[in-house]
């Protein structure tokens, strides 16, 4: 297939590109390369895929030096005119949208960034997928949409009507917008609610990266909710396996969908929502212990109350993804953390 993958200078997107190329797809990668976090890391991810930094320019396709089937363009999803030209010229089979303004806490102080990228940008993608008859739009949602829900494990069959951050609200909006286009125009869409993705080349604003950096530098780590947090940490390889499986399986109309019961994970339209997590939540303090063990040094701990917008626990039910597509996450936290710490030491030479 010929696939557009957005967010390919990002953590998940860079790995998805590798997997798609490995199996023989042609890929066009897209990223705005914004400065939400260190752009050096974003360019390093691109260079790992053969996209030379000095050749990257806005709205210009650059071919990988490692694989001619991969080309990259720096582009904002809000730039509808340039995005339209890209779709018209390339004629994609499928689109995997992993680009977004990420971060729960950042959304408390920079709300406009989420509206521009996650709402307006996503709207542009929906319109282009509709007009160019894309066979399948896969897009990143988030476990954050569960908001005030407390029934565990989180299931896509639960309602998600009480988000507690603008980031979560923007992802919930994406799901609603996608359903509208699936219903009105028959566009097959699948939303993936990611659960705390971690691993080598990960985001600097995530706990594993922040903790590892601070411990190595003998600085204190901030531990919110006084450490009483549980997260369904999901290793990057397991996430990528699930994403690629989903790309290959556009949803169909559910002939058994009941408008009275109204299961929110499916529809009479070609629409589907999946959780994609490890389904094996870990206590935050146990996660920190694993980092300490791999670094060989105890963290200086600064215990703080729960932050606005954060939830104390996440736990994914992935039974639908297992049943439909044979998804089986297999990477234990012990191995995943060890791989990350090894990468971090090598990348930063510490």
C-alpha atoms as a PDB file:
ATOM      1  CA  UNK A   1       0.000   0.000   0.000  1.00  0.00           C
ATOM      2  CA  UNK A   2       0.880   3.667  -0.250  1.00  0.00           C
ATOM      3  CA  UNK A   3       0.349   5.124   3.197  1.00  0.00           C
ATOM      4  CA  UNK A   4       0.515   8.650   4.605  1.00  0.00           C
ATOM      5  CA  UNK A   5       1.768   8.585   8.191  1.00  0.00           C
ATOM      6  CA  UNK A   6       1.605  11.884  10.069  1.00  0.00           C
ATOM      7  CA  UNK A   7       3.760  12.616  13.109  1.00  0.00           C
ATOM      8  CA  UNK A   8       6.777  10.720  11.753  1.00  0.00           C
ATOM      9  CA  UNK A   9       9.333  12.886  13.562  1.00  0.00           C
ATOM     10  CA  UNK A  10       7.497  11.820  16.709  1.00  0.00           C
ATOM     11  CA  UNK A  11       7.971   8.794  18.915  1.00  0.00           C
ATOM     12  CA  UNK A  12       5.271   6.383  17.725  1.00  0.00           C
ATOM     13  CA  UNK A  13       5.230   7.635  14.141  1.00  0.00           C
ATOM     14  CA  UNK A  14       8.943   7.034  13.608  1.00  0.00           C
ATOM     15  CA  UNK A  15       8.576   3.387  14.630  1.00  0.00           C
ATOM     16  CA  UNK A  16       5.422   2.845  12.566  1.00  0.00           C
ATOM     17  CA  UNK A  17       7.309   4.023   9.462  1.00  0.00           C
ATOM     18  CA  UNK A  18      10.068   1.480  10.093  1.00  0.00           C
ATOM     19  CA  UNK A  19       7.584  -1.365  10.405  1.00  0.00           C
ATOM     20  CA  UNK A  20       5.620  -0.403   7.284  1.00  0.00           C
ATOM     21  CA  UNK A  21       8.794  -0.135   5.212  1.00  0.00           C
ATOM     22  CA  UNK A  22      10.060  -3.441   6.553  1.00  0.00           C
ATOM     23  CA  UNK A  23       7.010  -5.229   5.181  1.00  0.00           C
ATOM     24  CA  UNK A  24       7.177  -3.486   1.794  1.00  0.00           C
ATOM     25  CA  UNK A  25       4.793  -0.508   1.889  1.00  0.00           C
ATOM     26  CA  UNK A  26       5.482   2.865   0.297  1.00  0.00           C
ATOM     27  CA  UNK A  27       5.311   5.591   2.938  1.00  0.00           C
ATOM     28  CA  UNK A  28       5.078   9.365   2.927  1.00  0.00           C
ATOM     29  CA  UNK A  29       5.833  10.811   6.357  1.00  0.00           C
ATOM     30  CA  UNK A  30       4.596  14.201   7.540  1.00  0.00           C
ATOM     31  CA  UNK A  31       5.455  16.268  10.595  1.00  0.00           C
ATOM     32  CA  UNK A  32       5.386  19.953  11.526  1.00  0.00           C
ATOM     33  CA  UNK A  33       8.522  19.524  13.695  1.00  0.00           C
ATOM     34  CA  UNK A  34       7.207  21.989  16.262  1.00  0.00           C
ATOM     35  CA  UNK A  35       9.193  22.941  19.369  1.00  0.00           C
ATOM     36  CA  UNK A  36       6.902  21.381  21.990  1.00  0.00           C
ATOM     37  CA  UNK A  37       9.998  19.386  22.964  1.00  0.00           C
ATOM     38  CA  UNK A  38      13.607  19.134  21.763  1.00  0.00           C
ATOM     39  CA  UNK A  39      13.646  19.355  17.957  1.00  0.00           C
ATOM     40  CA  UNK A  40      17.119  17.797  17.960  1.00  0.00           C
ATOM     41  CA  UNK A  41      15.538  14.513  19.049  1.00  0.00           C
ATOM     42  CA  UNK A  42      12.901  14.819  16.329  1.00  0.00           C
ATOM     43  CA  UNK A  43      15.545  15.350  13.653  1.00  0.00           C
ATOM     44  CA  UNK A  44      17.567  12.454  15.072  1.00  0.00           C
ATOM     45  CA  UNK A  45      14.551  10.175  14.614  1.00  0.00           C
ATOM     46  CA  UNK A  46      14.229  11.357  11.010  1.00  0.00           C
ATOM     47  CA  UNK A  47      17.934  10.861  10.357  1.00  0.00           C
ATOM     48  CA  UNK A  48      17.662   7.327  11.704  1.00  0.00           C
ATOM     49  CA  UNK A  49      15.225   6.708   8.825  1.00  0.00           C
ATOM     50  CA  UNK A  50      17.518   8.321   6.264  1.00  0.00           C
ATOM     51  CA  UNK A  51      15.968  11.800   6.176  1.00  0.00           C
ATOM     52  CA  UNK A  52      18.910  14.220   6.276  1.00  0.00           C
ATOM     53  CA  UNK A  53      18.226  17.303   8.366  1.00  0.00           C
ATOM     54  CA  UNK A  54      19.845  19.731   5.925  1.00  0.00           C
ATOM     55  CA  UNK A  55      17.444  18.570   3.183  1.00  0.00           C
ATOM     56  CA  UNK A  56      14.262  19.101   5.209  1.00  0.00           C
ATOM     57  CA  UNK A  57      12.309  22.191   4.172  1.00  0.00           C
ATOM     58  CA  UNK A  58       8.693  23.211   4.578  1.00  0.00           C
ATOM     59  CA  UNK A  59       6.317  21.681   2.006  1.00  0.00           C
ATOM     60  CA  UNK A  60       9.150  19.875   0.215  1.00  0.00           C
ATOM     61  CA  UNK A  61       9.276  16.094  -0.159  1.00  0.00           C
ATOM     62  CA  UNK A  62      12.627  14.560   0.811  1.00  0.00           C
ATOM     63  CA  UNK A  63      13.541  10.984  -0.133  1.00  0.00           C
ATOM     64  CA  UNK A  64      15.223   8.739   2.443  1.00  0.00           C
ATOM     65  CA  UNK A  65      18.831   7.826   1.716  1.00  0.00           C
ATOM     66  CA  UNK A  66      18.185   4.412   3.264  1.00  0.00           C
ATOM     67  CA  UNK A  67      14.960   3.431   1.483  1.00  0.00           C
ATOM     68  CA  UNK A  68      13.603   5.133  -1.643  1.00  0.00           C
ATOM     69  CA  UNK A  69      10.090   4.004  -0.699  1.00  0.00           C
ATOM     70  CA  UNK A  70      10.110   6.525   2.161  1.00  0.00           C
ATOM     71  CA  UNK A  71       9.690  10.245   1.603  1.00  0.00           C
ATOM     72  CA  UNK A  72       9.158  12.942   4.211  1.00  0.00           C
ATOM     73  CA  UNK A  73       7.564  16.383   4.142  1.00  0.00           C
ATOM     74  CA  UNK A  74       7.544  19.048   6.843  1.00  0.00           C
ATOM     75  CA  UNK A  75       3.975  20.317   6.881  1.00  0.00           C
ATOM     76  CA  UNK A  76       1.334  21.522   9.315  1.00  0.00           C
ATOM     77  CA  UNK A  77      -2.043  19.804   9.259  1.00  0.00           C
ATOM     78  CA  UNK A  78      -3.582  23.264   9.591  1.00  0.00           C
ATOM     79  CA  UNK A  79      -2.118  24.162   6.174  1.00  0.00           C
ATOM     80  CA  UNK A  80      -5.079  22.898   4.163  1.00  0.00           C
ATOM     81  CA  UNK A  81      -3.907  24.174   0.785  1.00  0.00           C
ATOM     82  CA  UNK A  82      -0.522  22.422   0.951  1.00  0.00           C
ATOM     83  CA  UNK A  83      -2.111  19.317   2.433  1.00  0.00           C
ATOM     84  CA  UNK A  84      -4.604  19.202  -0.445  1.00  0.00           C
ATOM     85  CA  UNK A  85      -1.765  19.349  -2.969  1.00  0.00           C
ATOM     86  CA  UNK A  86      -0.022  16.476  -1.212  1.00  0.00           C
ATOM     87  CA  UNK A  87      -3.146  14.293  -1.387  1.00  0.00           C
ATOM     88  CA  UNK A  88      -3.773  15.227  -5.017  1.00  0.00           C
ATOM     89  CA  UNK A  89      -0.230  14.400  -6.075  1.00  0.00           C
ATOM     90  CA  UNK A  90       0.291  11.213  -4.055  1.00  0.00           C
ATOM     91  CA  UNK A  91      -3.078   9.421  -4.132  1.00  0.00           C
ATOM     92  CA  UNK A  92      -2.718   7.507  -0.871  1.00  0.00           C
ATOM     93  CA  UNK A  93      -4.451   4.219  -0.132  1.00  0.00           C
ATOM     94  CA  UNK A  94      -4.605   4.738   3.641  1.00  0.00           C
ATOM     95  CA  UNK A  95      -3.803   7.435   6.186  1.00  0.00           C
ATOM     96  CA  UNK A  96      -2.425   6.892   9.703  1.00  0.00           C
ATOM     97  CA  UNK A  97      -2.695  10.114  11.706  1.00  0.00           C
ATOM     98  CA  UNK A  98      -0.284  10.104  14.642  1.00  0.00           C
ATOM     99  CA  UNK A  99       0.361  13.869  14.558  1.00  0.00           C
ATOM    100  CA  UNK A 100      -1.113  15.879  17.396  1.00  0.00           C
ATOM    101  CA  UNK A 101      -0.302  18.425  20.026  1.00  0.00           C
ATOM    102  CA  UNK A 102       0.417  16.050  22.889  1.00  0.00           C
ATOM    103  CA  UNK A 103       0.564  16.469  26.656  1.00  0.00           C
ATOM    104  CA  UNK A 104      -2.094  16.782  29.341  1.00  0.00           C
ATOM    105  CA  UNK A 105      -0.377  19.417  31.489  1.00  0.00           C
ATOM    106  CA  UNK A 106       0.710  21.560  28.527  1.00  0.00           C
ATOM    107  CA  UNK A 107      -2.946  21.879  27.506  1.00  0.00           C
ATOM    108  CA  UNK A 108      -3.686  23.756  30.722  1.00  0.00           C
ATOM    109  CA  UNK A 109      -1.488  26.677  29.670  1.00  0.00           C
ATOM    110  CA  UNK A 110      -1.398  26.433  25.858  1.00  0.00           C
ATOM    111  CA  UNK A 111      -4.965  25.597  24.783  1.00  0.00           C
ATOM    112  CA  UNK A 112      -4.751  27.196  21.328  1.00  0.00           C
ATOM    113  CA  UNK A 113      -2.128  24.686  20.174  1.00  0.00           C
ATOM    114  CA  UNK A 114      -4.615  21.851  20.753  1.00  0.00           C
ATOM    115  CA  UNK A 115      -7.413  23.502  18.806  1.00  0.00           C
ATOM    116  CA  UNK A 116      -5.161  24.275  15.839  1.00  0.00           C
ATOM    117  CA  UNK A 117      -3.487  20.870  15.539  1.00  0.00           C
ATOM    118  CA  UNK A 118      -5.950  18.423  17.056  1.00  0.00           C
ATOM    119  CA  UNK A 119      -9.223  19.964  15.874  1.00  0.00           C
ATOM    120  CA  UNK A 120      -8.586  22.092  12.785  1.00  0.00           C
ATOM    121  CA  UNK A 121      -5.772  19.853  11.542  1.00  0.00           C
ATOM    122  CA  UNK A 122      -7.853  16.727  12.038  1.00  0.00           C
ATOM    123  CA  UNK A 123     -10.805  18.347  10.284  1.00  0.00           C
ATOM    124  CA  UNK A 124      -8.592  19.009   7.256  1.00  0.00           C
ATOM    125  CA  UNK A 125      -7.530  15.357   7.191  1.00  0.00           C
ATOM    126  CA  UNK A 126     -11.118  14.146   7.354  1.00  0.00           C
ATOM    127  CA  UNK A 127     -12.139  16.362   4.441  1.00  0.00           C
ATOM    128  CA  UNK A 128      -9.212  15.195   2.307  1.00  0.00           C
ATOM    129  CA  UNK A 129      -9.757  11.545   3.159  1.00  0.00           C
ATOM    130  CA  UNK A 130     -13.369  11.971   2.121  1.00  0.00           C
ATOM    131  CA  UNK A 131     -12.643  13.822  -1.115  1.00  0.00           C
ATOM    132  CA  UNK A 132      -9.817  11.530  -2.205  1.00  0.00           C
ATOM    133  CA  UNK A 133     -11.691   8.349  -1.230  1.00  0.00           C
ATOM    134  CA  UNK A 134      -9.104   7.052   1.233  1.00  0.00           C
ATOM    135  CA  UNK A 135      -9.744   3.380   2.039  1.00  0.00           C
ATOM    136  CA  UNK A 136      -8.993   3.719   5.764  1.00  0.00           C
ATOM    137  CA  UNK A 137      -8.186   6.534   8.190  1.00  0.00           C
ATOM    138  CA  UNK A 138      -6.489   5.328  11.375  1.00  0.00           C
ATOM    139  CA  UNK A 139      -5.942   8.019  13.999  1.00  0.00           C
ATOM    140  CA  UNK A 140      -4.472   8.370  17.469  1.00  0.00           C
ATOM    141  CA  UNK A 141      -6.884   8.927  20.309  1.00  0.00           C
ATOM    142  CA  UNK A 142      -5.844   8.594  23.953  1.00  0.00           C
ATOM    143  CA  UNK A 143      -6.607   6.845  27.221  1.00  0.00           C
ATOM    144  CA  UNK A 144      -7.128  10.376  28.566  1.00  0.00           C
ATOM    145  CA  UNK A 145     -10.643  10.384  27.082  1.00  0.00           C
ATOM    146  CA  UNK A 146     -11.802   8.186  29.979  1.00  0.00           C
ATOM    147  CA  UNK A 147     -11.517  11.229  32.246  1.00  0.00           C
ATOM    148  CA  UNK A 148     -13.570  10.815  35.413  1.00  0.00           C
ATOM    149  CA  UNK A 149     -14.391   7.165  34.672  1.00  0.00           C
ATOM    150  CA  UNK A 150     -13.256   4.916  37.505  1.00  0.00           C
ATOM    151  CA  UNK A 151     -14.508   1.472  36.485  1.00  0.00           C
ATOM    152  CA  UNK A 152     -11.452  -0.657  35.653  1.00  0.00           C
ATOM    153  CA  UNK A 153     -10.282  -1.867  33.249  1.00  0.00           C
ATOM    154  CA  UNK A 154     -11.245   0.934  30.885  1.00  0.00           C
ATOM    155  CA  UNK A 155     -13.382  -0.455  28.079  1.00  0.00           C
ATOM    156  CA  UNK A 156     -14.263   1.110  24.740  1.00  0.00           C
ATOM    157  CA  UNK A 157     -17.816   0.001  25.491  1.00  0.00           C
ATOM    158  CA  UNK A 158     -17.970   2.597  28.316  1.00  0.00           C
ATOM    159  CA  UNK A 159     -19.065   6.159  27.743  1.00  0.00           C
ATOM    160  CA  UNK A 160     -16.369   8.868  27.762  1.00  0.00           C
ATOM    161  CA  UNK A 161     -18.345  12.022  28.344  1.00  0.00           C
ATOM    162  CA  UNK A 162     -16.338  13.564  31.189  1.00  0.00           C
ATOM    163  CA  UNK A 163     -12.798  14.488  30.033  1.00  0.00           C
ATOM    164  CA  UNK A 164     -10.724  16.506  32.504  1.00  0.00           C
ATOM    165  CA  UNK A 165      -8.191  18.205  30.201  1.00  0.00           C
ATOM    166  CA  UNK A 166      -8.433  20.036  26.904  1.00  0.00           C
ATOM    167  CA  UNK A 167      -6.064  17.459  25.425  1.00  0.00           C
ATOM    168  CA  UNK A 168      -8.530  14.704  26.329  1.00  0.00           C
ATOM    169  CA  UNK A 169     -11.440  16.770  25.034  1.00  0.00           C
ATOM    170  CA  UNK A 170      -9.658  17.276  21.705  1.00  0.00           C
ATOM    171  CA  UNK A 171      -9.131  13.517  21.347  1.00  0.00           C
ATOM    172  CA  UNK A 172     -12.747  12.810  22.241  1.00  0.00           C
ATOM    173  CA  UNK A 173     -13.700  15.387  19.614  1.00  0.00           C
ATOM    174  CA  UNK A 174     -11.629  13.502  17.028  1.00  0.00           C
ATOM    175  CA  UNK A 175     -13.632  10.353  17.721  1.00  0.00           C
ATOM    176  CA  UNK A 176     -16.931  12.214  17.300  1.00  0.00           C
ATOM    177  CA  UNK A 177     -15.762  13.953  14.122  1.00  0.00           C
ATOM    178  CA  UNK A 178     -14.542  10.659  12.667  1.00  0.00           C
ATOM    179  CA  UNK A 179     -17.879   8.994  13.372  1.00  0.00           C
ATOM    180  CA  UNK A 180     -19.703  11.797  11.584  1.00  0.00           C
ATOM    181  CA  UNK A 181     -17.592  11.281   8.446  1.00  0.00           C
ATOM    182  CA  UNK A 182     -17.978   7.515   8.649  1.00  0.00           C
ATOM    183  CA  UNK A 183     -21.746   7.937   8.891  1.00  0.00           C
ATOM    184  CA  UNK A 184     -22.267  10.662   6.297  1.00  0.00           C
ATOM    185  CA  UNK A 185     -19.685   9.677   3.704  1.00  0.00           C
ATOM    186  CA  UNK A 186     -18.871   6.023   4.380  1.00  0.00           C
ATOM    187  CA  UNK A 187     -15.251   6.841   5.274  1.00  0.00           C
ATOM    188  CA  UNK A 188     -13.808   3.879   7.248  1.00  0.00           C
ATOM    189  CA  UNK A 189     -12.190   5.258  10.417  1.00  0.00           C
ATOM    190  CA  UNK A 190     -10.503   3.582  13.379  1.00  0.00           C
ATOM    191  CA  UNK A 191      -9.489   5.425  16.545  1.00  0.00           C
ATOM    192  CA  UNK A 192      -6.741   4.030  18.779  1.00  0.00           C
ATOM    193  CA  UNK A 193      -6.729   4.970  22.451  1.00  0.00           C
ATOM    194  CA  UNK A 194      -3.049   4.714  23.393  1.00  0.00           C
ATOM    195  CA  UNK A 195      -2.063   3.869  26.964  1.00  0.00           C
ATOM    196  CA  UNK A 196       1.218   5.384  28.296  1.00  0.00           C
ATOM    197  CA  UNK A 197       3.597   4.438  25.496  1.00  0.00           C
ATOM    198  CA  UNK A 198       7.282   4.155  26.444  1.00  0.00           C
ATOM    199  CA  UNK A 199      10.580   2.885  25.081  1.00  0.00           C
ATOM    200  CA  UNK A 200      13.781   4.011  23.295  1.00  0.00           C
ATOM    201  CA  UNK A 201      13.484   7.312  21.390  1.00  0.00           C
ATOM    202  CA  UNK A 202      10.529   8.239  23.614  1.00  0.00           C
ATOM    203  CA  UNK A 203       9.184  11.695  24.420  1.00  0.00           C
ATOM    204  CA  UNK A 204      11.180  13.890  26.845  1.00  0.00           C
ATOM    205  CA  UNK A 205       7.988  15.050  28.579  1.00  0.00           C
ATOM    206  CA  UNK A 206       7.039  11.504  29.646  1.00  0.00           C
ATOM    207  CA  UNK A 207       7.769  10.061  33.106  1.00  0.00           C
ATOM    208  CA  UNK A 208      10.381   7.474  32.076  1.00  0.00           C
ATOM    209  CA  UNK A 209      12.454  10.072  30.222  1.00  0.00           C
ATOM    210  CA  UNK A 210      12.124  12.694  32.971  1.00  0.00           C
ATOM    211  CA  UNK A 211      12.942  10.243  35.752  1.00  0.00           C
ATOM    212  CA  UNK A 212      15.930   8.714  33.984  1.00  0.00           C
ATOM    213  CA  UNK A 213      17.410  12.136  33.195  1.00  0.00           C
ATOM    214  CA  UNK A 214      16.928  13.427  36.749  1.00  0.00           C
ATOM    215  CA  UNK A 215      18.335  10.328  38.456  1.00  0.00           C
ATOM    216  CA  UNK A 216      21.448  10.343  36.268  1.00  0.00           C
ATOM    217  CA  UNK A 217      21.949  14.047  37.036  1.00  0.00           C
ATOM    218  CA  UNK A 218      21.368  13.552  40.811  1.00  0.00           C
ATOM    219  CA  UNK A 219      18.314  15.794  40.679  1.00  0.00           C
ATOM    220  CA  UNK A 220      14.975  15.118  42.429  1.00  0.00           C
ATOM    221  CA  UNK A 221      12.069  13.577  40.542  1.00  0.00           C
ATOM    222  CA  UNK A 222       8.530  14.920  40.969  1.00  0.00           C
ATOM    223  CA  UNK A 223       6.120  12.146  41.950  1.00  0.00           C
ATOM    224  CA  UNK A 224       2.495  13.232  41.717  1.00  0.00           C
ATOM    225  CA  UNK A 225      -0.413  12.044  43.866  1.00  0.00           C
ATOM    226  CA  UNK A 226       2.251  11.110  46.421  1.00  0.00           C
ATOM    227  CA  UNK A 227       3.150   8.103  44.308  1.00  0.00           C
ATOM    228  CA  UNK A 228      -0.327   6.598  44.431  1.00  0.00           C
ATOM    229  CA  UNK A 229      -0.575   6.244  40.647  1.00  0.00           C
ATOM    230  CA  UNK A 230      -1.106   3.240  38.387  1.00  0.00           C
ATOM    231  CA  UNK A 231      -0.312   3.274  34.678  1.00  0.00           C
ATOM    232  CA  UNK A 232      -0.811   0.753  31.901  1.00  0.00           C
ATOM    233  CA  UNK A 233       2.720   1.237  30.534  1.00  0.00           C
ATOM    234  CA  UNK A 234       2.846  -0.095  26.963  1.00  0.00           C
ATOM    235  CA  UNK A 235       6.116  -0.759  25.139  1.00  0.00           C
ATOM    236  CA  UNK A 236       6.605   0.840  21.742  1.00  0.00           C
ATOM    237  CA  UNK A 237       7.039  -2.473  19.860  1.00  0.00           C
ATOM    238  CA  UNK A 238       3.668  -3.704  21.132  1.00  0.00           C
ATOM    239  CA  UNK A 239       2.019  -0.429  20.137  1.00  0.00           C
ATOM    240  CA  UNK A 240       3.456  -0.554  16.615  1.00  0.00           C
ATOM    241  CA  UNK A 241       2.334  -4.137  16.120  1.00  0.00           C
ATOM    242  CA  UNK A 242      -1.213  -3.108  16.991  1.00  0.00           C
ATOM    243  CA  UNK A 243      -1.183  -0.004  14.788  1.00  0.00           C
ATOM    244  CA  UNK A 244      -0.022  -1.927  11.707  1.00  0.00           C
ATOM    245  CA  UNK A 245      -2.602  -4.666  12.273  1.00  0.00           C
ATOM    246  CA  UNK A 246      -5.321  -2.019  12.443  1.00  0.00           C
ATOM    247  CA  UNK A 247      -4.178  -0.262   9.249  1.00  0.00           C
ATOM    248  CA  UNK A 248      -4.709  -3.520   7.366  1.00  0.00           C
ATOM    249  CA  UNK A 249      -8.288  -3.968   8.586  1.00  0.00           C
ATOM    250  CA  UNK A 250     -10.694  -1.135   7.771  1.00  0.00           C
ATOM    251  CA  UNK A 251     -13.862  -1.361   9.856  1.00  0.00           C
ATOM    252  CA  UNK A 252     -17.172  -2.350   8.340  1.00  0.00           C
ATOM    253  CA  UNK A 253     -20.679  -1.379   9.262  1.00  0.00           C
ATOM    254  CA  UNK A 254     -21.858  -3.375  12.259  1.00  0.00           C
ATOM    255  CA  UNK A 255     -25.148  -5.008  11.171  1.00  0.00           C
ATOM    256  CA  UNK A 256     -25.952  -5.838  14.808  1.00  0.00           C
ATOM    257  CA  UNK A 257     -25.477  -2.321  16.141  1.00  0.00           C
ATOM    258  CA  UNK A 258     -28.428  -1.266  18.275  1.00  0.00           C
ATOM    259  CA  UNK A 259     -29.206   2.451  18.427  1.00  0.00           C
ATOM    260  CA  UNK A 260     -31.025   1.965  21.731  1.00  0.00           C
ATOM    261  CA  UNK A 261     -28.077   0.347  23.508  1.00  0.00           C
ATOM    262  CA  UNK A 262     -25.618   2.362  21.360  1.00  0.00           C
ATOM    263  CA  UNK A 263     -22.242   0.700  21.958  1.00  0.00           C
ATOM    264  CA  UNK A 264     -19.813   3.657  21.553  1.00  0.00           C
ATOM    265  CA  UNK A 265     -16.967   1.496  20.173  1.00  0.00           C
ATOM    266  CA  UNK A 266     -18.749   0.586  16.948  1.00  0.00           C
ATOM    267  CA  UNK A 267     -21.587   1.791  14.741  1.00  0.00           C
ATOM    268  CA  UNK A 268     -23.933   1.204  11.844  1.00  0.00           C
ATOM    269  CA  UNK A 269     -21.244   3.197   9.972  1.00  0.00           C
ATOM    270  CA  UNK A 270     -17.733   1.839   9.127  1.00  0.00           C
ATOM    271  CA  UNK A 271     -16.322   3.079  12.429  1.00  0.00           C
ATOM    272  CA  UNK A 272     -14.354   1.459  15.250  1.00  0.00           C
ATOM    273  CA  UNK A 273     -12.572   2.440  18.465  1.00  0.00           C
ATOM    274  CA  UNK A 274      -9.906   0.255  20.077  1.00  0.00           C
ATOM    275  CA  UNK A 275      -7.873   0.490  23.259  1.00  0.00           C
ATOM    276  CA  UNK A 276      -4.227  -0.264  22.580  1.00  0.00           C
ATOM    277  CA  UNK A 277      -2.358  -0.931  25.807  1.00  0.00           C
ATOM    278  CA  UNK A 278      -0.506  -3.592  27.745  1.00  0.00           C
ATOM    279  CA  UNK A 279      -3.539  -4.511  29.877  1.00  0.00           C
ATOM    280  CA  UNK A 280      -1.192  -5.058  32.829  1.00  0.00           C
ATOM    281  CA  UNK A 281      -1.059  -1.871  34.917  1.00  0.00           C
ATOM    282  CA  UNK A 282       1.982  -1.132  37.076  1.00  0.00           C
ATOM    283  CA  UNK A 283       2.245   0.946  40.246  1.00  0.00           C
ATOM    284  CA  UNK A 284       4.238   4.112  39.625  1.00  0.00           C
ATOM    285  CA  UNK A 285       6.551   3.394  42.564  1.00  0.00           C
ATOM    286  CA  UNK A 286       7.332  -0.062  41.160  1.00  0.00           C
ATOM    287  CA  UNK A 287       8.078   1.562  37.794  1.00  0.00           C
ATOM    288  CA  UNK A 288      10.490   3.963  39.499  1.00  0.00           C
ATOM    289  CA  UNK A 289      12.164   1.067  41.308  1.00  0.00           C
ATOM    290  CA  UNK A 290      12.758  -0.599  37.927  1.00  0.00           C
ATOM    291  CA  UNK A 291      14.420   2.585  36.628  1.00  0.00           C
ATOM    292  CA  UNK A 292      16.596   2.833  39.739  1.00  0.00           C
ATOM    293  CA  UNK A 293      17.664  -0.791  39.340  1.00  0.00           C
ATOM    294  CA  UNK A 294      18.734  -0.270  35.735  1.00  0.00           C
ATOM    295  CA  UNK A 295      20.591   2.960  36.467  1.00  0.00           C
ATOM    296  CA  UNK A 296      22.145   1.627  39.656  1.00  0.00           C
ATOM    297  CA  UNK A 297      21.187   4.665  41.681  1.00  0.00           C
ATOM    298  CA  UNK A 298      18.297   5.609  43.965  1.00  0.00           C
ATOM    299  CA  UNK A 299      16.123   8.565  42.991  1.00  0.00           C
ATOM    300  CA  UNK A 300      15.747  11.669  45.113  1.00  0.00           C
ATOM    301  CA  UNK A 301      11.972  11.752  45.460  1.00  0.00           C
ATOM    302  CA  UNK A 302       9.798  14.861  45.678  1.00  0.00           C
ATOM    303  CA  UNK A 303       6.221  13.823  46.475  1.00  0.00           C
ATOM    304  CA  UNK A 304       3.485  16.146  45.221  1.00  0.00           C
ATOM    305  CA  UNK A 305      -0.341  16.183  45.054  1.00  0.00           C
ATOM    306  CA  UNK A 306      -2.270  15.069  41.974  1.00  0.00           C
ATOM    307  CA  UNK A 307      -1.919  17.532  39.103  1.00  0.00           C
ATOM    308  CA  UNK A 308      -4.930  19.116  37.444  1.00  0.00           C
ATOM    309  CA  UNK A 309      -5.908  17.093  34.389  1.00  0.00           C
ATOM    310  CA  UNK A 310      -4.206  13.876  35.580  1.00  0.00           C
ATOM    311  CA  UNK A 311      -6.010  10.677  36.473  1.00  0.00           C
ATOM    312  CA  UNK A 312      -4.730   8.386  39.270  1.00  0.00           C
ATOM    313  CA  UNK A 313      -5.020   5.146  37.292  1.00  0.00           C
ATOM    314  CA  UNK A 314      -5.228   3.747  33.764  1.00  0.00           C
ATOM    315  CA  UNK A 315      -5.881   0.143  32.794  1.00  0.00           C
ATOM    316  CA  UNK A 316      -6.802  -0.940  29.276  1.00  0.00           C
ATOM    317  CA  UNK A 317      -9.178  -3.678  28.295  1.00  0.00           C
ATOM    318  CA  UNK A 318      -7.791  -4.880  24.932  1.00  0.00           C
ATOM    319  CA  UNK A 319     -10.136  -7.832  24.469  1.00  0.00           C
ATOM    320  CA  UNK A 320     -11.655  -6.375  21.275  1.00  0.00           C
ATOM    321  CA  UNK A 321      -8.253  -5.889  19.645  1.00  0.00           C
ATOM    322  CA  UNK A 322      -7.208  -9.373  20.718  1.00  0.00           C
ATOM    323  CA  UNK A 323     -10.390 -10.936  19.367  1.00  0.00           C
ATOM    324  CA  UNK A 324     -10.571  -8.999  16.101  1.00  0.00           C
ATOM    325  CA  UNK A 325      -6.913  -8.745  15.115  1.00  0.00           C
ATOM    326  CA  UNK A 326      -4.925 -11.136  17.303  1.00  0.00           C
ATOM    327  CA  UNK A 327      -3.157  -8.374  19.228  1.00  0.00           C
ATOM    328  CA  UNK A 328      -1.069  -9.710  22.141  1.00  0.00           C
ATOM    329  CA  UNK A 329       1.301  -7.277  23.907  1.00  0.00           C
ATOM    330  CA  UNK A 330       4.267  -9.228  25.239  1.00  0.00           C
ATOM    331  CA  UNK A 331       6.942  -6.845  26.547  1.00  0.00           C
ATOM    332  CA  UNK A 332       7.299  -6.760  30.357  1.00  0.00           C
ATOM    333  CA  UNK A 333       8.148  -3.468  32.047  1.00  0.00           C
ATOM    334  CA  UNK A 334      11.468  -4.900  33.257  1.00  0.00           C
ATOM    335  CA  UNK A 335      12.653  -5.409  29.669  1.00  0.00           C
ATOM    336  CA  UNK A 336      11.137  -2.193  28.342  1.00  0.00           C
ATOM    337  CA  UNK A 337      12.748  -0.001  31.011  1.00  0.00           C
ATOM    338  CA  UNK A 338      16.119  -1.740  30.543  1.00  0.00           C
ATOM    339  CA  UNK A 339      15.960  -1.073  26.797  1.00  0.00           C
ATOM    340  CA  UNK A 340      15.127   2.587  27.376  1.00  0.00           C
ATOM    341  CA  UNK A 341      17.888   3.216  29.917  1.00  0.00           C
ATOM    342  CA  UNK A 342      20.417   1.527  27.619  1.00  0.00           C
ATOM    343  CA  UNK A 343      19.290   3.722  24.717  1.00  0.00           C
ATOM    344  CA  UNK A 344      19.312   6.903  26.831  1.00  0.00           C
ATOM    345  CA  UNK A 345      22.870   6.321  28.062  1.00  0.00           C
ATOM    346  CA  UNK A 346      24.091   5.660  24.541  1.00  0.00           C
ATOM    347  CA  UNK A 347      22.192   8.547  22.895  1.00  0.00           C
ATOM    348  CA  UNK A 348      23.247  11.133  25.475  1.00  0.00           C
ATOM    349  CA  UNK A 349      26.628   9.523  26.192  1.00  0.00           C
ATOM    350  CA  UNK A 350      26.090   9.373  29.972  1.00  0.00           C
END
